[in-house]
Protein backbone atom coordinates (compact mmCIF):
# COMPACT_ATOMS: atom_id res chain seq x y z
CA UNK A 1 -248.53 96.99 57.26
CA UNK A 2 -245.75 95.07 59.50
CA UNK A 3 -246.21 94.99 63.31
CA UNK A 4 -244.47 97.77 64.99
CA UNK A 5 -245.65 96.34 68.50
CA UNK A 6 -243.08 95.23 70.88
CA UNK A 7 -243.20 91.38 71.81
CA UNK A 8 -244.08 92.65 75.47
CA UNK A 9 -247.04 94.54 74.01
CA UNK A 10 -248.15 91.27 71.90
CA UNK A 11 -247.67 88.87 74.80
CA UNK A 12 -250.09 91.39 76.99
CA UNK A 13 -252.35 91.31 73.64
CA UNK A 14 -252.51 87.65 73.37
CA UNK A 15 -253.79 87.26 77.21
CA UNK A 16 -256.35 89.85 76.52
CA UNK A 17 -257.31 87.76 73.43
CA UNK A 18 -257.24 84.39 75.29
CA UNK A 19 -259.72 86.43 77.95
CA UNK A 20 -261.85 87.84 75.25
CA UNK A 21 -262.05 84.30 73.44
CA UNK A 22 -262.79 82.83 76.46
CA UNK A 23 -265.84 85.15 77.71
CA UNK A 24 -267.30 85.03 73.76
CA UNK A 25 -267.34 81.50 73.69
CA UNK A 26 -268.24 80.64 77.20
CA UNK A 27 -271.47 78.78 76.94
CA UNK A 28 -270.87 77.71 73.52
CA UNK A 29 -270.25 73.75 72.86
CA UNK A 30 -268.40 72.17 69.77
CA UNK A 31 -269.72 69.77 67.55
CA UNK A 32 -268.48 67.00 70.04
CA UNK A 33 -270.28 68.81 72.82
CA UNK A 34 -266.98 70.02 74.29
CA UNK A 35 -266.50 73.67 75.32
CA UNK A 36 -266.00 75.79 72.37
CA UNK A 37 -262.84 77.26 73.50
CA UNK A 38 -260.61 74.53 73.56
CA UNK A 39 -260.92 74.79 69.46
CA UNK A 40 -259.44 78.11 69.27
CA UNK A 41 -256.99 77.24 71.96
CA UNK A 42 -255.71 74.26 70.05
CA UNK A 43 -255.44 76.45 66.73
CA UNK A 44 -253.75 78.95 68.73
CA UNK A 45 -251.11 76.06 69.67
CA UNK A 46 -250.72 74.86 66.19
CA UNK A 47 -249.24 78.69 64.74
CA UNK A 48 -245.83 79.97 65.36
CA UNK A 49 -245.91 83.84 65.72
CA UNK A 50 -247.50 85.74 68.58
CA UNK A 51 -249.61 87.81 65.93
CA UNK A 52 -251.00 84.57 64.50
CA UNK A 53 -251.59 83.44 67.99
CA UNK A 54 -253.75 86.29 68.93
CA UNK A 55 -255.90 85.87 65.38
CA UNK A 56 -256.06 82.08 66.18
CA UNK A 57 -257.80 82.38 69.32
CA UNK A 58 -260.10 85.01 68.12
CA UNK A 59 -260.63 83.73 64.99
CA UNK A 60 -264.27 82.52 65.71
CA UNK A 61 -265.33 85.59 68.17
CA UNK A 62 -266.56 88.08 65.40
CA UNK A 63 -268.26 85.44 63.66
CA UNK A 64 -269.88 83.40 66.49
CA UNK A 65 -270.54 86.04 69.37
CA UNK A 66 -271.65 89.76 69.42
CA UNK A 67 -268.14 91.11 69.50
CA UNK A 68 -266.89 93.48 66.63
CA UNK A 69 -263.69 94.55 64.99
CA UNK A 70 -264.33 97.72 66.29
CA UNK A 71 -264.62 96.49 69.76
CA UNK A 72 -261.12 94.57 69.40
CA UNK A 73 -259.70 97.85 67.88
CA UNK A 74 -260.86 99.71 71.16
CA UNK A 75 -259.06 96.89 73.13
CA UNK A 76 -255.78 97.78 71.31
CA UNK A 77 -255.19 95.35 68.86
CA UNK A 78 -253.32 96.67 66.06
CA UNK A 79 -254.21 96.90 62.56
CA UNK A 80 -252.50 94.00 60.91
CA UNK A 81 -254.31 91.68 63.76
CA UNK A 82 -257.86 93.23 63.03
CA UNK A 83 -257.40 92.94 59.02
CA UNK A 84 -256.59 89.06 59.82
CA UNK A 85 -259.32 88.70 61.88
CA UNK A 86 -261.29 90.67 59.39
CA UNK A 87 -260.25 88.45 56.21
CA UNK A 88 -260.97 85.05 58.40
CA UNK A 89 -264.57 85.93 59.35
CA UNK A 90 -266.81 84.71 56.94
CA UNK A 91 -269.69 87.12 56.45
CA UNK A 92 -273.28 86.15 56.62
CA UNK A 93 -274.60 85.17 53.17
CA UNK A 94 -270.95 84.78 51.71
CA UNK A 95 -270.10 82.40 49.26
CA UNK A 96 -267.15 80.17 50.80
CA UNK A 97 -264.98 80.60 47.75
CA UNK A 98 -265.29 84.67 48.25
CA UNK A 99 -264.57 83.95 51.60
CA UNK A 100 -261.41 81.60 51.18
CA UNK A 101 -259.99 84.03 48.58
CA UNK A 102 -260.21 86.87 51.19
CA UNK A 103 -258.43 84.61 53.20
CA UNK A 104 -255.85 83.82 50.80
CA UNK A 105 -254.82 87.21 50.43
CA UNK A 106 -253.80 88.01 54.12
CA UNK A 107 -250.97 85.86 55.01
CA UNK A 108 -251.78 85.55 59.03
CA UNK A 109 -255.32 84.91 58.16
CA UNK A 110 -254.50 81.85 55.77
CA UNK A 111 -251.63 80.29 58.38
CA UNK A 112 -254.57 80.43 60.82
CA UNK A 113 -257.10 79.32 58.65
CA UNK A 114 -254.92 76.36 57.70
CA UNK A 115 -254.32 75.56 61.30
CA UNK A 116 -258.34 75.85 61.94
CA UNK A 117 -259.22 73.62 59.12
CA UNK A 118 -256.47 70.83 60.34
CA UNK A 119 -258.14 71.11 63.79
CA UNK A 120 -261.68 70.91 62.07
CA UNK A 121 -260.31 67.61 60.26
CA UNK A 122 -259.94 65.61 63.66
CA UNK A 123 -262.96 63.59 63.35
CA UNK A 124 -261.86 61.49 66.43
CA UNK A 125 -263.00 63.93 68.84
CA UNK A 126 -266.63 63.05 67.43
CA UNK A 127 -268.16 60.17 69.06
CA UNK A 128 -270.35 59.62 66.79
CA UNK A 129 -269.82 61.38 63.46
CA UNK A 130 -272.69 61.89 60.82
CA UNK A 131 -273.23 62.35 57.18
CA UNK A 132 -272.87 66.08 57.45
CA UNK A 133 -269.42 65.32 59.57
CA UNK A 134 -268.19 63.40 56.61
CA UNK A 135 -269.16 65.85 54.11
CA UNK A 136 -267.19 68.42 55.88
CA UNK A 137 -264.35 66.74 56.05
CA UNK A 138 -264.30 65.64 52.69
CA UNK A 139 -264.75 69.57 51.58
CA UNK A 140 -261.83 70.10 53.79
CA UNK A 141 -259.76 67.29 52.57
CA UNK A 142 -260.21 68.78 49.27
CA UNK A 143 -259.38 72.43 50.25
CA UNK A 144 -256.59 72.01 52.47
CA UNK A 145 -254.05 71.02 50.21
CA UNK A 146 -255.20 74.02 47.78
CA UNK A 147 -254.46 76.62 50.92
CA UNK A 148 -250.84 74.68 51.97
CA UNK A 149 -250.13 75.36 48.31
CA UNK A 150 -251.17 78.77 48.46
CA UNK A 151 -248.72 79.19 51.51
CA UNK A 152 -245.71 77.96 49.83
CA UNK A 153 -246.35 80.62 46.81
CA UNK A 154 -246.15 83.10 49.46
CA UNK A 155 -242.54 82.41 50.35
């Protein structure tokens, strides 16, 4: 279902999304020990449309906080945004393959996931990468081109 929300409303919702994400990630640190909110803000800057920016800044809120999709619906986010956030939220005990298959089915979620993964691949932000960091990087180096190919197929 395409967005029927006007540009002014979307800009207002983007401001709301940034405030919600800032609150949800307020006391979280990333792997480099920096405020976690920096990650969704970088992902937001890497995508193009306002809808994608909203999903990008909120992409980890449901997974990493007590926030729920009904909370976001109550805040006024349209169904397209909610569907993309739902698609990009990995379920507890869900395999990565099942998760990625769902992401690929939602064009907004796919574009945000590509930006998310690209940001997560910047290992230069981590002063002393661990073996786990290098394994994650290798996994992303394998998966990212596959996601980019799926995005190209959708165009």
